[in-house]
Amino acid sequence: MSSKITMLFCVAALLVSSNPAQAHDIYSRLVDRRGAPCCNETDCRPARFRVTPQGVEMFVGGRWARVPNENIQYRTLTGDTGDTGGGHWCGQADWGYDALGGADVYWVTRCAILPPNFSSLPALVQ
């Protein structure tokens, strides 16, 4: 089995086995900019974040994923443990192909939560 296929199976296993019960109710009232729920009880999690010249990235599934500015909400979640500095990510894995035609996973962000004191970031990283 190729290493990329093995990696995909590992990522899928990680997603299925991630800890959805870890105070998942802190996400139950989150909605995206269209009013749709951010979460389906298993796809939101605390996530580290960083700001790069290209924009905000969050650490999801063992890699840094670019987060579209329009999906970012600046708020504090009641029940946040503070382990990620206030960063939380809601979304799902999707499968695609790299430039060489090999299978790869990428992350589709529905909602990303950053602490309110980062609310000036979108103007800085356009």
C-alpha atoms as a PDB file:
ATOM      1  CA  MET A   1       0.000   0.000   0.000  1.00  0.00           C
ATOM      2  CA  SER A   2       1.426   3.381  -0.929  1.00  0.00           C
ATOM      3  CA  SER A   3       2.427   5.795   1.813  1.00  0.00           C
ATOM      4  CA  LYS A   4      -0.149   8.380   0.649  1.00  0.00           C
ATOM      5  CA  ILE A   5      -2.992   5.847   0.871  1.00  0.00           C
ATOM      6  CA  THR A   6      -1.744   4.814   4.314  1.00  0.00           C
ATOM      7  CA  MET A   7      -1.690   8.479   5.353  1.00  0.00           C
ATOM      8  CA  LEU A   8      -5.282   8.928   4.151  1.00  0.00           C
ATOM      9  CA  PHE A   9      -6.438   5.941   6.176  1.00  0.00           C
ATOM     10  CA  CYS A  10      -4.618   7.299   9.236  1.00  0.00           C
ATOM     11  CA  VAL A  11      -6.253  10.718   8.841  1.00  0.00           C
ATOM     12  CA  ALA A  12      -9.673   9.103   8.438  1.00  0.00           C
ATOM     13  CA  ALA A  13      -9.092   6.997  11.570  1.00  0.00           C
ATOM     14  CA  LEU A  14      -7.993  10.096  13.465  1.00  0.00           C
ATOM     15  CA  LEU A  15     -11.166  11.922  12.463  1.00  0.00           C
ATOM     16  CA  VAL A  16     -13.400   9.048  13.492  1.00  0.00           C
ATOM     17  CA  SER A  17     -11.578   8.517  16.768  1.00  0.00           C
ATOM     18  CA  SER A  18     -11.208  12.181  17.716  1.00  0.00           C
ATOM     19  CA  ASN A  19     -12.755  13.088  21.018  1.00  0.00           C
ATOM     20  CA  PRO A  20     -16.192  14.521  20.114  1.00  0.00           C
ATOM     21  CA  ALA A  21     -17.450  14.248  23.680  1.00  0.00           C
ATOM     22  CA  GLN A  22     -14.783  16.669  24.936  1.00  0.00           C
ATOM     23  CA  ALA A  23     -17.198  19.405  26.016  1.00  0.00           C
ATOM     24  CA  HIS A  24     -18.679  19.480  22.533  1.00  0.00           C
ATOM     25  CA  ASP A  25     -21.673  21.416  23.804  1.00  0.00           C
ATOM     26  CA  ILE A  26     -19.555  24.607  23.728  1.00  0.00           C
ATOM     27  CA  TYR A  27     -20.106  24.495  19.945  1.00  0.00           C
ATOM     28  CA  SER A  28     -23.836  23.730  19.927  1.00  0.00           C
ATOM     29  CA  ARG A  29     -24.988  27.341  19.441  1.00  0.00           C
ATOM     30  CA  LEU A  30     -22.378  28.345  16.848  1.00  0.00           C
ATOM     31  CA  VAL A  31     -23.721  29.299  13.446  1.00  0.00           C
ATOM     32  CA  ASP A  32     -21.912  30.373  10.294  1.00  0.00           C
ATOM     33  CA  ARG A  33     -22.468  33.674   8.492  1.00  0.00           C
ATOM     34  CA  ARG A  34     -25.537  32.205   6.738  1.00  0.00           C
ATOM     35  CA  GLY A  35     -27.100  31.028  10.002  1.00  0.00           C
ATOM     36  CA  ALA A  36     -26.341  27.321   9.481  1.00  0.00           C
ATOM     37  CA  PRO A  37     -24.913  25.337  12.418  1.00  0.00           C
ATOM     38  CA  CYS A  38     -21.125  25.165  12.453  1.00  0.00           C
ATOM     39  CA  CYS A  39     -21.143  21.799  14.135  1.00  0.00           C
ATOM     40  CA  ASN A  40     -22.748  18.378  13.765  1.00  0.00           C
ATOM     41  CA  GLU A  41     -21.549  17.099  17.148  1.00  0.00           C
ATOM     42  CA  THR A  42     -18.259  15.624  15.881  1.00  0.00           C
ATOM     43  CA  ASP A  43     -16.557  18.121  13.621  1.00  0.00           C
ATOM     44  CA  CYS A  44     -15.535  20.993  15.929  1.00  0.00           C
ATOM     45  CA  ARG A  45     -12.422  20.954  18.024  1.00  0.00           C
ATOM     46  CA  PRO A  46      -9.914  23.199  19.783  1.00  0.00           C
ATOM     47  CA  ALA A  47      -7.176  24.147  17.314  1.00  0.00           C
ATOM     48  CA  ARG A  48      -3.963  26.112  17.510  1.00  0.00           C
ATOM     49  CA  PHE A  49      -3.755  29.023  15.095  1.00  0.00           C
ATOM     50  CA  ARG A  50      -1.171  31.253  13.537  1.00  0.00           C
ATOM     51  CA  VAL A  51      -1.088  34.297  11.300  1.00  0.00           C
ATOM     52  CA  THR A  52       1.038  34.163   8.155  1.00  0.00           C
ATOM     53  CA  PRO A  53       1.462  36.687   5.330  1.00  0.00           C
ATOM     54  CA  GLN A  54      -1.172  34.637   3.451  1.00  0.00           C
ATOM     55  CA  GLY A  55      -3.710  34.746   6.291  1.00  0.00           C
ATOM     56  CA  VAL A  56      -4.873  32.713   9.271  1.00  0.00           C
ATOM     57  CA  GLU A  57      -4.005  29.024   9.488  1.00  0.00           C
ATOM     58  CA  MET A  58      -5.239  26.474  12.003  1.00  0.00           C
ATOM     59  CA  PHE A  59      -3.621  23.193  12.975  1.00  0.00           C
ATOM     60  CA  VAL A  60      -6.115  20.494  12.022  1.00  0.00           C
ATOM     61  CA  GLY A  61      -5.491  16.785  11.551  1.00  0.00           C
ATOM     62  CA  GLY A  62      -1.746  17.132  11.949  1.00  0.00           C
ATOM     63  CA  ARG A  63      -1.210  19.920   9.404  1.00  0.00           C
ATOM     64  CA  TRP A  64      -1.707  23.646   8.998  1.00  0.00           C
ATOM     65  CA  ALA A  65      -4.840  24.542   7.027  1.00  0.00           C
ATOM     66  CA  ARG A  66      -5.563  27.985   5.545  1.00  0.00           C
ATOM     67  CA  VAL A  67      -8.809  29.473   6.887  1.00  0.00           C
ATOM     68  CA  PRO A  68     -10.874  31.791   4.674  1.00  0.00           C
ATOM     69  CA  ASN A  69     -11.352  35.188   6.340  1.00  0.00           C
ATOM     70  CA  GLU A  70     -15.128  35.021   5.824  1.00  0.00           C
ATOM     71  CA  ASN A  71     -15.314  31.879   8.011  1.00  0.00           C
ATOM     72  CA  ILE A  72     -13.600  33.446  11.026  1.00  0.00           C
ATOM     73  CA  GLN A  73     -15.582  34.562  14.067  1.00  0.00           C
ATOM     74  CA  TYR A  74     -13.986  36.573  16.847  1.00  0.00           C
ATOM     75  CA  ARG A  75     -15.474  35.526  20.161  1.00  0.00           C
ATOM     76  CA  THR A  76     -14.899  33.734  23.416  1.00  0.00           C
ATOM     77  CA  LEU A  77     -16.555  30.363  23.890  1.00  0.00           C
ATOM     78  CA  THR A  78     -17.954  29.636  27.326  1.00  0.00           C
ATOM     79  CA  GLY A  79     -16.266  26.462  28.509  1.00  0.00           C
ATOM     80  CA  ASP A  80     -13.064  26.993  26.506  1.00  0.00           C
ATOM     81  CA  THR A  81     -10.169  25.405  28.382  1.00  0.00           C
ATOM     82  CA  GLY A  82      -7.648  27.857  26.926  1.00  0.00           C
ATOM     83  CA  ASP A  83      -5.362  25.082  25.645  1.00  0.00           C
ATOM     84  CA  THR A  84      -5.211  26.649  22.167  1.00  0.00           C
ATOM     85  CA  GLY A  85      -5.316  30.311  23.103  1.00  0.00           C
ATOM     86  CA  GLY A  86      -8.996  30.541  22.164  1.00  0.00           C
ATOM     87  CA  GLY A  87      -8.731  28.879  18.744  1.00  0.00           C
ATOM     88  CA  HIS A  88     -11.436  26.459  17.615  1.00  0.00           C
ATOM     89  CA  TRP A  89     -12.130  24.920  14.200  1.00  0.00           C
ATOM     90  CA  CYS A  90     -15.288  23.399  12.701  1.00  0.00           C
ATOM     91  CA  GLY A  91     -15.243  21.652   9.355  1.00  0.00           C
ATOM     92  CA  GLN A  92     -14.528  18.413   7.596  1.00  0.00           C
ATOM     93  CA  ALA A  93     -11.881  16.556   5.684  1.00  0.00           C
ATOM     94  CA  ASP A  94     -12.242  16.217   1.955  1.00  0.00           C
ATOM     95  CA  TRP A  95     -10.182  14.287  -0.543  1.00  0.00           C
ATOM     96  CA  GLY A  96      -8.406  15.689  -3.555  1.00  0.00           C
ATOM     97  CA  TYR A  97      -5.336  15.101  -5.657  1.00  0.00           C
ATOM     98  CA  ASP A  98      -1.935  16.729  -5.575  1.00  0.00           C
ATOM     99  CA  ALA A  99      -0.095  18.017  -8.652  1.00  0.00           C
ATOM    100  CA  LEU A 100       1.255  14.533  -9.354  1.00  0.00           C
ATOM    101  CA  GLY A 101      -2.174  12.894  -9.212  1.00  0.00           C
ATOM    102  CA  GLY A 102      -1.709  11.352  -5.782  1.00  0.00           C
ATOM    103  CA  ALA A 103      -4.590  11.338  -3.320  1.00  0.00           C
ATOM    104  CA  ASP A 104      -4.388  13.952  -0.590  1.00  0.00           C
ATOM    105  CA  VAL A 105      -6.613  15.248   2.198  1.00  0.00           C
ATOM    106  CA  TYR A 106      -7.532  18.871   2.638  1.00  0.00           C
ATOM    107  CA  TRP A 107      -9.698  20.644   5.178  1.00  0.00           C
ATOM    108  CA  VAL A 108     -12.945  22.487   4.485  1.00  0.00           C
ATOM    109  CA  THR A 109     -13.611  25.104   7.170  1.00  0.00           C
ATOM    110  CA  ARG A 110     -17.189  25.976   8.103  1.00  0.00           C
ATOM    111  CA  CYS A 111     -16.330  28.094  11.131  1.00  0.00           C
ATOM    112  CA  ALA A 112     -13.115  29.158  12.803  1.00  0.00           C
ATOM    113  CA  ILE A 113     -13.125  30.810  16.205  1.00  0.00           C
ATOM    114  CA  LEU A 114     -10.375  33.192  17.268  1.00  0.00           C
ATOM    115  CA  PRO A 115     -10.253  35.279  20.441  1.00  0.00           C
ATOM    116  CA  PRO A 116     -11.844  38.750  20.222  1.00  0.00           C
ATOM    117  CA  ASN A 117      -8.485  40.507  20.637  1.00  0.00           C
ATOM    118  CA  PHE A 118      -7.512  39.198  17.143  1.00  0.00           C
ATOM    119  CA  SER A 119     -10.462  40.903  15.422  1.00  0.00           C
ATOM    120  CA  SER A 120      -8.242  43.347  13.563  1.00  0.00           C
ATOM    121  CA  LEU A 121      -6.437  40.521  11.716  1.00  0.00           C
ATOM    122  CA  PRO A 122      -8.512  40.376   8.516  1.00  0.00           C
ATOM    123  CA  ALA A 123      -7.475  43.930   7.684  1.00  0.00           C
ATOM    124  CA  LEU A 124      -3.835  42.981   8.221  1.00  0.00           C
ATOM    125  CA  VAL A 125      -3.746  39.780   6.153  1.00  0.00           C
ATOM    126  CA  GLN A 126      -5.872  40.541   3.096  1.00  0.00           C
END
